[in-house]
Amino acid sequence: MVSIINKAIDKMVSLIEFVCSVLFISICLIVLIQVIGRFVLKIATPWSEELARYLLVILVFLGATVSVKERSHLVALNIFEGRSEKAKLFGSLLVDGIILLVSVMYARNSIRMSRIVGTEMASSMLWLKTRYLYIIISIGFLLSSLFAVFLILKTIMTFKERNK
């Protein structure tokens, strides 16, 4: 059962990494179009700057979920280095628990914000509503919550297996 969940999580992370790569390439191309338009063709493209900014927001929140899963986020676990296995377990569970708590709070509040802003426009791009941005932020934090729960369970199961 654990291996099936592990494989599903790994596939989800691979998909998120692919989406992040596509977003990064898109941002680079959009900025290139903006530079060529502005400095070579002398044509203003106001949509390009905003679109690149919003794609960056999506990239950041999706990328943060990958860092939670891979435990590559900034954390002060060095405090627990050289300590007992139980202290390391406690430190890992503490950090993952804080990440879970913060992710759930932010997901909940970004869902609330998406309801509050409704159909307000986010920019000069008339089709882009502010609600969509908050929904994307919610998805990022919900995925971070999922990965934090997964890491907590994995840490507990690993600790139990070592102490058999």
N, C-alpha and C. Protein backbone atom coordinates (compact mmCIF):
# COMPACT_ATOMS: atom_id res chain seq x y z
N MET A 1 0.82 -1.20 0.00
CA MET A 1 0.00 0.00 0.00
C MET A 1 0.87 1.26 0.00
N VAL A 2 1.92 1.23 0.83
CA VAL A 2 2.79 2.40 0.93
C VAL A 2 3.50 2.64 -0.39
N SER A 3 3.93 1.56 -1.04
CA SER A 3 4.64 1.73 -2.31
C SER A 3 3.72 2.30 -3.40
N ILE A 4 2.46 1.94 -3.38
CA ILE A 4 1.50 2.47 -4.35
C ILE A 4 1.32 3.98 -4.13
N ILE A 5 1.17 4.37 -2.87
CA ILE A 5 1.02 5.79 -2.55
C ILE A 5 2.29 6.54 -2.92
N ASN A 6 3.44 5.92 -2.62
CA ASN A 6 4.72 6.54 -2.94
C ASN A 6 4.87 6.77 -4.44
N LYS A 7 4.48 5.78 -5.23
CA LYS A 7 4.55 5.91 -6.69
C LYS A 7 3.59 6.99 -7.19
N ALA A 8 2.39 7.04 -6.63
CA ALA A 8 1.42 8.05 -7.03
C ALA A 8 1.93 9.46 -6.71
N ILE A 9 2.50 9.61 -5.52
CA ILE A 9 3.06 10.92 -5.13
C ILE A 9 4.21 11.28 -6.05
N ASP A 10 5.08 10.32 -6.36
CA ASP A 10 6.21 10.59 -7.26
C ASP A 10 5.74 10.99 -8.65
N LYS A 11 4.69 10.35 -9.15
CA LYS A 11 4.15 10.73 -10.46
C LYS A 11 3.55 12.13 -10.41
N MET A 12 2.89 12.45 -9.31
CA MET A 12 2.32 13.78 -9.16
C MET A 12 3.43 14.83 -9.14
N VAL A 13 4.52 14.53 -8.43
CA VAL A 13 5.65 15.46 -8.37
C VAL A 13 6.28 15.61 -9.75
N SER A 14 6.39 14.51 -10.49
CA SER A 14 6.94 14.58 -11.85
C SER A 14 6.07 15.46 -12.74
N LEU A 15 4.77 15.33 -12.61
CA LEU A 15 3.85 16.17 -13.38
C LEU A 15 4.00 17.64 -13.00
N ILE A 16 4.09 17.91 -11.70
CA ILE A 16 4.26 19.29 -11.24
C ILE A 16 5.58 19.86 -11.76
N GLU A 17 6.64 19.06 -11.71
CA GLU A 17 7.93 19.53 -12.22
C GLU A 17 7.86 19.82 -13.72
N PHE A 18 7.14 18.99 -14.46
CA PHE A 18 6.97 19.23 -15.89
C PHE A 18 6.22 20.54 -16.13
N VAL A 19 5.13 20.73 -15.39
CA VAL A 19 4.35 21.96 -15.52
C VAL A 19 5.22 23.18 -15.17
N CYS A 20 6.02 23.06 -14.12
CA CYS A 20 6.92 24.16 -13.75
C CYS A 20 7.93 24.45 -14.86
N SER A 21 8.43 23.41 -15.50
CA SER A 21 9.37 23.61 -16.62
C SER A 21 8.69 24.34 -17.77
N VAL A 22 7.47 23.92 -18.09
CA VAL A 22 6.72 24.58 -19.17
C VAL A 22 6.45 26.04 -18.80
N LEU A 23 6.10 26.29 -17.55
CA LEU A 23 5.85 27.66 -17.10
C LEU A 23 7.12 28.51 -17.22
N PHE A 24 8.25 27.95 -16.82
CA PHE A 24 9.50 28.70 -16.89
C PHE A 24 9.86 29.04 -18.33
N ILE A 25 9.73 28.07 -19.22
CA ILE A 25 10.01 28.32 -20.64
C ILE A 25 9.04 29.36 -21.19
N SER A 26 7.78 29.27 -20.79
CA SER A 26 6.78 30.25 -21.24
C SER A 26 7.13 31.66 -20.77
N ILE A 27 7.55 31.77 -19.52
CA ILE A 27 7.94 33.08 -19.00
C ILE A 27 9.10 33.65 -19.80
N CYS A 28 10.09 32.81 -20.07
CA CYS A 28 11.26 33.27 -20.85
C CYS A 28 10.84 33.73 -22.24
N LEU A 29 9.97 32.97 -22.89
CA LEU A 29 9.51 33.35 -24.23
C LEU A 29 8.69 34.63 -24.21
N ILE A 30 7.83 34.77 -23.23
CA ILE A 30 6.99 35.96 -23.12
C ILE A 30 7.85 37.21 -22.89
N VAL A 31 8.83 37.09 -22.02
CA VAL A 31 9.72 38.23 -21.77
C VAL A 31 10.55 38.54 -23.02
N LEU A 32 10.98 37.51 -23.74
CA LEU A 32 11.71 37.73 -24.99
C LEU A 32 10.83 38.47 -26.00
N ILE A 33 9.58 38.06 -26.11
CA ILE A 33 8.64 38.76 -27.00
C ILE A 33 8.49 40.22 -26.58
N GLN A 34 8.40 40.44 -25.27
CA GLN A 34 8.26 41.81 -24.78
C GLN A 34 9.49 42.65 -25.13
N VAL A 35 10.68 42.10 -24.95
CA VAL A 35 11.91 42.84 -25.24
C VAL A 35 12.01 43.14 -26.73
N ILE A 36 11.75 42.13 -27.56
CA ILE A 36 11.80 42.34 -29.01
C ILE A 36 10.75 43.37 -29.43
N GLY A 37 9.55 43.23 -28.90
CA GLY A 37 8.48 44.17 -29.24
C GLY A 37 8.81 45.59 -28.83
N ARG A 38 9.32 45.75 -27.64
CA ARG A 38 9.56 47.09 -27.12
C ARG A 38 10.79 47.76 -27.72
N PHE A 39 11.89 47.02 -27.83
CA PHE A 39 13.15 47.65 -28.22
C PHE A 39 13.50 47.48 -29.70
N VAL A 40 12.96 46.48 -30.35
CA VAL A 40 13.27 46.27 -31.77
C VAL A 40 12.14 46.81 -32.64
N LEU A 41 10.92 46.35 -32.35
CA LEU A 41 9.78 46.74 -33.17
C LEU A 41 9.09 48.02 -32.70
N LYS A 42 9.46 48.50 -31.52
CA LYS A 42 8.87 49.72 -30.94
C LYS A 42 7.36 49.59 -30.76
N ILE A 43 6.95 48.38 -30.36
CA ILE A 43 5.53 48.10 -30.11
C ILE A 43 5.39 47.71 -28.64
N ALA A 44 4.49 48.36 -27.95
CA ALA A 44 4.25 48.02 -26.55
C ALA A 44 3.35 46.79 -26.45
N THR A 45 3.72 45.88 -25.59
CA THR A 45 2.90 44.69 -25.34
C THR A 45 2.59 44.64 -23.84
N PRO A 46 1.58 45.38 -23.39
CA PRO A 46 1.29 45.45 -21.96
C PRO A 46 0.86 44.11 -21.36
N TRP A 47 0.27 43.26 -22.14
CA TRP A 47 -0.19 41.97 -21.63
C TRP A 47 0.98 41.07 -21.27
N SER A 48 2.11 41.22 -21.94
CA SER A 48 3.22 40.28 -21.73
C SER A 48 3.81 40.37 -20.33
N GLU A 49 3.94 41.58 -19.83
CA GLU A 49 4.51 41.74 -18.49
C GLU A 49 3.60 41.13 -17.43
N GLU A 50 2.32 41.39 -17.56
CA GLU A 50 1.37 40.86 -16.58
C GLU A 50 1.26 39.35 -16.68
N LEU A 51 1.21 38.83 -17.89
CA LEU A 51 1.13 37.39 -18.05
C LEU A 51 2.36 36.70 -17.48
N ALA A 52 3.54 37.26 -17.73
CA ALA A 52 4.77 36.69 -17.17
C ALA A 52 4.73 36.71 -15.64
N ARG A 53 4.21 37.78 -15.08
CA ARG A 53 4.12 37.90 -13.62
C ARG A 53 3.18 36.84 -13.05
N TYR A 54 2.04 36.65 -13.67
CA TYR A 54 1.09 35.67 -13.16
C TYR A 54 1.59 34.24 -13.34
N LEU A 55 2.27 33.99 -14.43
CA LEU A 55 2.87 32.66 -14.62
C LEU A 55 3.95 32.41 -13.57
N LEU A 56 4.68 33.46 -13.20
CA LEU A 56 5.69 33.32 -12.14
C LEU A 56 5.04 32.98 -10.80
N VAL A 57 3.90 33.60 -10.52
CA VAL A 57 3.18 33.28 -9.28
C VAL A 57 2.80 31.80 -9.26
N ILE A 58 2.27 31.32 -10.37
CA ILE A 58 1.90 29.90 -10.46
C ILE A 58 3.14 29.03 -10.29
N LEU A 59 4.22 29.40 -10.95
CA LEU A 59 5.47 28.64 -10.86
C LEU A 59 5.98 28.57 -9.43
N VAL A 60 5.93 29.67 -8.72
CA VAL A 60 6.42 29.70 -7.34
C VAL A 60 5.60 28.78 -6.44
N PHE A 61 4.29 28.86 -6.54
CA PHE A 61 3.47 28.06 -5.64
C PHE A 61 3.51 26.57 -5.98
N LEU A 62 3.60 26.24 -7.25
CA LEU A 62 3.75 24.83 -7.61
C LEU A 62 5.15 24.32 -7.25
N GLY A 63 6.16 25.15 -7.47
CA GLY A 63 7.52 24.77 -7.11
C GLY A 63 7.69 24.57 -5.61
N ALA A 64 6.97 25.35 -4.83
CA ALA A 64 7.03 25.20 -3.37
C ALA A 64 6.51 23.84 -2.94
N THR A 65 5.51 23.32 -3.64
CA THR A 65 5.00 21.99 -3.29
C THR A 65 6.06 20.92 -3.50
N VAL A 66 6.84 21.07 -4.56
CA VAL A 66 7.91 20.10 -4.82
C VAL A 66 8.97 20.19 -3.73
N SER A 67 9.29 21.40 -3.29
CA SER A 67 10.30 21.54 -2.24
C SER A 67 9.81 20.95 -0.92
N VAL A 68 8.51 21.01 -0.66
CA VAL A 68 7.97 20.37 0.54
C VAL A 68 8.13 18.87 0.43
N LYS A 69 7.77 18.30 -0.69
CA LYS A 69 7.86 16.85 -0.88
C LYS A 69 9.30 16.35 -0.77
N GLU A 70 10.24 17.10 -1.34
CA GLU A 70 11.63 16.66 -1.34
C GLU A 70 12.40 17.15 -0.12
N ARG A 71 11.72 17.82 0.77
CA ARG A 71 12.33 18.40 1.97
C ARG A 71 13.55 19.25 1.61
N SER A 72 13.42 20.01 0.55
CA SER A 72 14.52 20.87 0.12
C SER A 72 14.28 22.33 0.50
N HIS A 73 13.26 22.57 1.30
CA HIS A 73 12.98 23.92 1.78
C HIS A 73 13.97 24.27 2.90
N LEU A 74 14.06 25.54 3.18
CA LEU A 74 14.96 25.97 4.25
C LEU A 74 14.40 25.55 5.59
N VAL A 75 15.23 24.89 6.36
CA VAL A 75 14.78 24.43 7.67
C VAL A 75 16.01 24.28 8.56
N ALA A 76 15.82 24.47 9.84
CA ALA A 76 16.94 24.41 10.78
C ALA A 76 16.99 23.06 11.47
N LEU A 77 17.12 21.99 10.70
CA LEU A 77 17.21 20.66 11.31
C LEU A 77 18.60 20.36 11.85
N ASN A 78 19.55 21.25 11.58
CA ASN A 78 20.89 21.04 12.11
C ASN A 78 20.88 21.03 13.63
N ILE A 79 19.87 21.60 14.22
CA ILE A 79 19.73 21.60 15.68
C ILE A 79 19.66 20.17 16.18
N PHE A 80 19.09 19.29 15.39
CA PHE A 80 18.88 17.91 15.81
C PHE A 80 20.00 16.97 15.36
N GLU A 81 20.99 17.48 14.63
CA GLU A 81 22.11 16.64 14.21
C GLU A 81 22.93 16.24 15.43
N GLY A 82 23.39 15.01 15.44
CA GLY A 82 24.18 14.51 16.56
C GLY A 82 23.34 14.10 17.75
N ARG A 83 22.06 14.20 17.62
CA ARG A 83 21.16 13.82 18.70
C ARG A 83 20.65 12.40 18.45
N SER A 84 19.82 11.94 19.34
CA SER A 84 19.27 10.58 19.21
C SER A 84 18.29 10.51 18.05
N GLU A 85 17.96 9.28 17.67
CA GLU A 85 16.99 9.07 16.59
C GLU A 85 15.63 9.67 16.95
N LYS A 86 15.27 9.57 18.23
CA LYS A 86 13.98 10.12 18.65
C LYS A 86 13.97 11.65 18.51
N ALA A 87 15.09 12.29 18.82
CA ALA A 87 15.17 13.75 18.68
C ALA A 87 15.08 14.14 17.21
N LYS A 88 15.74 13.39 16.34
CA LYS A 88 15.66 13.67 14.90
C LYS A 88 14.23 13.45 14.40
N LEU A 89 13.59 12.38 14.89
CA LEU A 89 12.20 12.11 14.52
C LEU A 89 11.31 13.26 14.97
N PHE A 90 11.50 13.70 16.21
CA PHE A 90 10.71 14.81 16.74
C PHE A 90 10.92 16.06 15.89
N GLY A 91 12.16 16.35 15.55
CA GLY A 91 12.45 17.53 14.73
C GLY A 91 11.80 17.47 13.37
N SER A 92 11.88 16.30 12.75
CA SER A 92 11.28 16.12 11.43
C SER A 92 9.76 16.26 11.49
N LEU A 93 9.17 15.63 12.50
CA LEU A 93 7.71 15.72 12.66
C LEU A 93 7.27 17.14 13.00
N LEU A 94 8.08 17.83 13.80
CA LEU A 94 7.76 19.21 14.15
C LEU A 94 7.76 20.10 12.91
N VAL A 95 8.80 19.99 12.11
CA VAL A 95 8.89 20.81 10.89
C VAL A 95 7.76 20.48 9.93
N ASP A 96 7.53 19.18 9.69
CA ASP A 96 6.45 18.79 8.78
C ASP A 96 5.09 19.20 9.31
N GLY A 97 4.91 19.13 10.63
CA GLY A 97 3.65 19.57 11.24
C GLY A 97 3.42 21.06 11.07
N ILE A 98 4.47 21.85 11.23
CA ILE A 98 4.35 23.30 11.03
C ILE A 98 4.03 23.60 9.57
N ILE A 99 4.70 22.91 8.66
CA ILE A 99 4.42 23.09 7.23
C ILE A 99 2.96 22.74 6.94
N LEU A 100 2.49 21.64 7.51
CA LEU A 100 1.09 21.24 7.31
C LEU A 100 0.14 22.31 7.85
N LEU A 101 0.39 22.77 9.05
CA LEU A 101 -0.47 23.78 9.66
C LEU A 101 -0.52 25.06 8.83
N VAL A 102 0.64 25.56 8.44
CA VAL A 102 0.71 26.79 7.66
C VAL A 102 0.05 26.60 6.29
N SER A 103 0.30 25.45 5.66
CA SER A 103 -0.28 25.19 4.34
C SER A 103 -1.80 25.13 4.40
N VAL A 104 -2.33 24.47 5.42
CA VAL A 104 -3.79 24.38 5.57
C VAL A 104 -4.38 25.77 5.81
N MET A 105 -3.72 26.56 6.66
CA MET A 105 -4.22 27.92 6.93
C MET A 105 -4.22 28.77 5.66
N TYR A 106 -3.13 28.73 4.92
CA TYR A 106 -3.06 29.53 3.70
C TYR A 106 -4.03 29.02 2.64
N ALA A 107 -4.19 27.71 2.52
CA ALA A 107 -5.14 27.17 1.55
C ALA A 107 -6.55 27.62 1.89
N ARG A 108 -6.90 27.52 3.16
CA ARG A 108 -8.23 27.92 3.62
C ARG A 108 -8.48 29.41 3.33
N ASN A 109 -7.50 30.23 3.67
CA ASN A 109 -7.68 31.67 3.48
C ASN A 109 -7.65 32.08 2.02
N SER A 110 -6.88 31.39 1.19
CA SER A 110 -6.88 31.74 -0.23
C SER A 110 -8.19 31.30 -0.89
N ILE A 111 -8.78 30.23 -0.40
CA ILE A 111 -10.11 29.84 -0.89
C ILE A 111 -11.13 30.91 -0.50
N ARG A 112 -11.04 31.39 0.73
CA ARG A 112 -11.93 32.47 1.17
C ARG A 112 -11.75 33.71 0.30
N MET A 113 -10.50 34.06 0.03
CA MET A 113 -10.23 35.24 -0.80
C MET A 113 -10.79 35.07 -2.20
N SER A 114 -10.72 33.86 -2.75
CA SER A 114 -11.26 33.64 -4.09
C SER A 114 -12.77 33.86 -4.11
N ARG A 115 -13.42 33.57 -2.99
CA ARG A 115 -14.87 33.83 -2.91
C ARG A 115 -15.15 35.32 -2.76
N ILE A 116 -14.31 36.00 -2.00
CA ILE A 116 -14.54 37.43 -1.73
C ILE A 116 -14.35 38.25 -3.00
N VAL A 117 -13.26 38.01 -3.73
CA VAL A 117 -12.96 38.85 -4.89
C VAL A 117 -13.88 38.55 -6.06
N GLY A 118 -14.45 37.37 -6.08
CA GLY A 118 -15.42 37.04 -7.12
C GLY A 118 -14.89 37.21 -8.52
N THR A 119 -15.56 38.03 -9.29
CA THR A 119 -15.20 38.18 -10.70
C THR A 119 -14.43 39.46 -10.98
N GLU A 120 -13.80 40.03 -9.97
CA GLU A 120 -12.99 41.23 -10.19
C GLU A 120 -11.86 40.90 -11.16
N MET A 121 -11.56 41.86 -12.02
CA MET A 121 -10.46 41.66 -12.97
C MET A 121 -9.13 41.85 -12.26
N ALA A 122 -8.17 41.01 -12.61
CA ALA A 122 -6.85 41.09 -11.99
C ALA A 122 -5.95 42.07 -12.71
N SER A 123 -6.25 42.36 -13.95
CA SER A 123 -5.33 43.17 -14.74
C SER A 123 -6.03 43.70 -15.99
N SER A 124 -5.22 44.17 -16.90
CA SER A 124 -5.78 44.65 -18.17
C SER A 124 -6.21 43.49 -19.07
N MET A 125 -5.82 42.29 -18.70
CA MET A 125 -6.28 41.11 -19.44
C MET A 125 -7.68 40.78 -18.93
N LEU A 126 -8.66 41.12 -19.71
CA LEU A 126 -10.05 41.05 -19.25
C LEU A 126 -10.50 39.65 -18.87
N TRP A 127 -9.92 38.65 -19.47
CA TRP A 127 -10.33 37.27 -19.20
C TRP A 127 -9.77 36.74 -17.88
N LEU A 128 -8.76 37.41 -17.32
CA LEU A 128 -8.12 36.93 -16.10
C LEU A 128 -8.77 37.56 -14.88
N LYS A 129 -9.44 36.75 -14.10
CA LYS A 129 -10.09 37.22 -12.89
C LYS A 129 -9.19 36.95 -11.69
N THR A 130 -9.27 37.81 -10.71
CA THR A 130 -8.46 37.66 -9.50
C THR A 130 -8.75 36.34 -8.81
N ARG A 131 -9.98 35.89 -8.91
CA ARG A 131 -10.36 34.62 -8.30
C ARG A 131 -9.47 33.48 -8.78
N TYR A 132 -9.12 33.47 -10.06
CA TYR A 132 -8.29 32.40 -10.61
C TYR A 132 -6.92 32.35 -9.94
N LEU A 133 -6.37 33.51 -9.65
CA LEU A 133 -5.06 33.54 -9.00
C LEU A 133 -5.13 32.95 -7.59
N TYR A 134 -6.18 33.30 -6.86
CA TYR A 134 -6.33 32.74 -5.51
C TYR A 134 -6.62 31.24 -5.56
N ILE A 135 -7.32 30.79 -6.56
CA ILE A 135 -7.57 29.35 -6.70
C ILE A 135 -6.26 28.61 -6.95
N ILE A 136 -5.39 29.19 -7.78
CA ILE A 136 -4.10 28.57 -8.05
C ILE A 136 -3.25 28.52 -6.77
N ILE A 137 -3.28 29.60 -6.00
CA ILE A 137 -2.56 29.61 -4.73
C ILE A 137 -3.12 28.54 -3.80
N SER A 138 -4.45 28.38 -3.77
CA SER A 138 -5.08 27.35 -2.95
C SER A 138 -4.61 25.96 -3.36
N ILE A 139 -4.55 25.72 -4.65
CA ILE A 139 -4.10 24.41 -5.14
C ILE A 139 -2.67 24.15 -4.69
N GLY A 140 -1.81 25.15 -4.79
CA GLY A 140 -0.43 24.99 -4.34
C GLY A 140 -0.35 24.62 -2.87
N PHE A 141 -1.10 25.32 -2.04
CA PHE A 141 -1.04 25.02 -0.61
C PHE A 141 -1.74 23.71 -0.27
N LEU A 142 -2.78 23.34 -0.99
CA LEU A 142 -3.40 22.03 -0.75
C LEU A 142 -2.44 20.90 -1.11
N LEU A 143 -1.71 21.06 -2.20
CA LEU A 143 -0.70 20.05 -2.55
C LEU A 143 0.41 20.01 -1.50
N SER A 144 0.83 21.16 -1.00
CA SER A 144 1.83 21.18 0.07
C SER A 144 1.32 20.46 1.31
N SER A 145 0.04 20.66 1.62
CA SER A 145 -0.57 19.96 2.76
C SER A 145 -0.56 18.46 2.55
N LEU A 146 -0.93 18.04 1.35
CA LEU A 146 -0.93 16.61 1.02
C LEU A 146 0.46 16.02 1.17
N PHE A 147 1.47 16.71 0.65
CA PHE A 147 2.84 16.20 0.74
C PHE A 147 3.33 16.20 2.18
N ALA A 148 2.93 17.19 2.98
CA ALA A 148 3.33 17.23 4.38
C ALA A 148 2.72 16.05 5.15
N VAL A 149 1.46 15.75 4.90
CA VAL A 149 0.82 14.59 5.53
C VAL A 149 1.55 13.31 5.12
N PHE A 150 1.87 13.21 3.84
CA PHE A 150 2.60 12.05 3.34
C PHE A 150 3.94 11.91 4.05
N LEU A 151 4.67 13.00 4.21
CA LEU A 151 5.98 12.94 4.86
C LEU A 151 5.86 12.59 6.34
N ILE A 152 4.83 13.10 7.00
CA ILE A 152 4.62 12.77 8.41
C ILE A 152 4.37 11.27 8.55
N LEU A 153 3.47 10.73 7.72
CA LEU A 153 3.18 9.30 7.79
C LEU A 153 4.40 8.46 7.44
N LYS A 154 5.15 8.89 6.44
CA LYS A 154 6.35 8.16 6.03
C LYS A 154 7.40 8.17 7.14
N THR A 155 7.56 9.30 7.81
CA THR A 155 8.52 9.40 8.92
C THR A 155 8.13 8.48 10.06
N ILE A 156 6.86 8.47 10.40
CA ILE A 156 6.38 7.60 11.49
C ILE A 156 6.57 6.14 11.13
N MET A 157 6.23 5.77 9.90
CA MET A 157 6.36 4.36 9.48
C MET A 157 7.83 3.94 9.44
N THR A 158 8.71 4.82 8.99
CA THR A 158 10.14 4.51 8.97
C THR A 158 10.66 4.31 10.38
N PHE A 159 10.23 5.16 11.30
CA PHE A 159 10.66 5.04 12.69
C PHE A 159 10.17 3.73 13.30
N LYS A 160 8.92 3.36 13.01
CA LYS A 160 8.38 2.10 13.54
C LYS A 160 9.13 0.89 12.99
N GLU A 161 9.48 0.92 11.70
CA GLU A 161 10.21 -0.19 11.10
C GLU A 161 11.60 -0.34 11.71
N ARG A 162 12.26 0.76 12.01
CA ARG A 162 13.60 0.71 12.60
C ARG A 162 13.57 0.16 14.02
N ASN A 163 12.48 0.38 14.72
CA ASN A 163 12.38 -0.03 16.12
C ASN A 163 11.69 -1.37 16.32
N LYS A 164 11.55 -2.15 15.27
CA LYS A 164 10.92 -3.47 15.42
C LYS A 164 11.89 -4.44 16.04
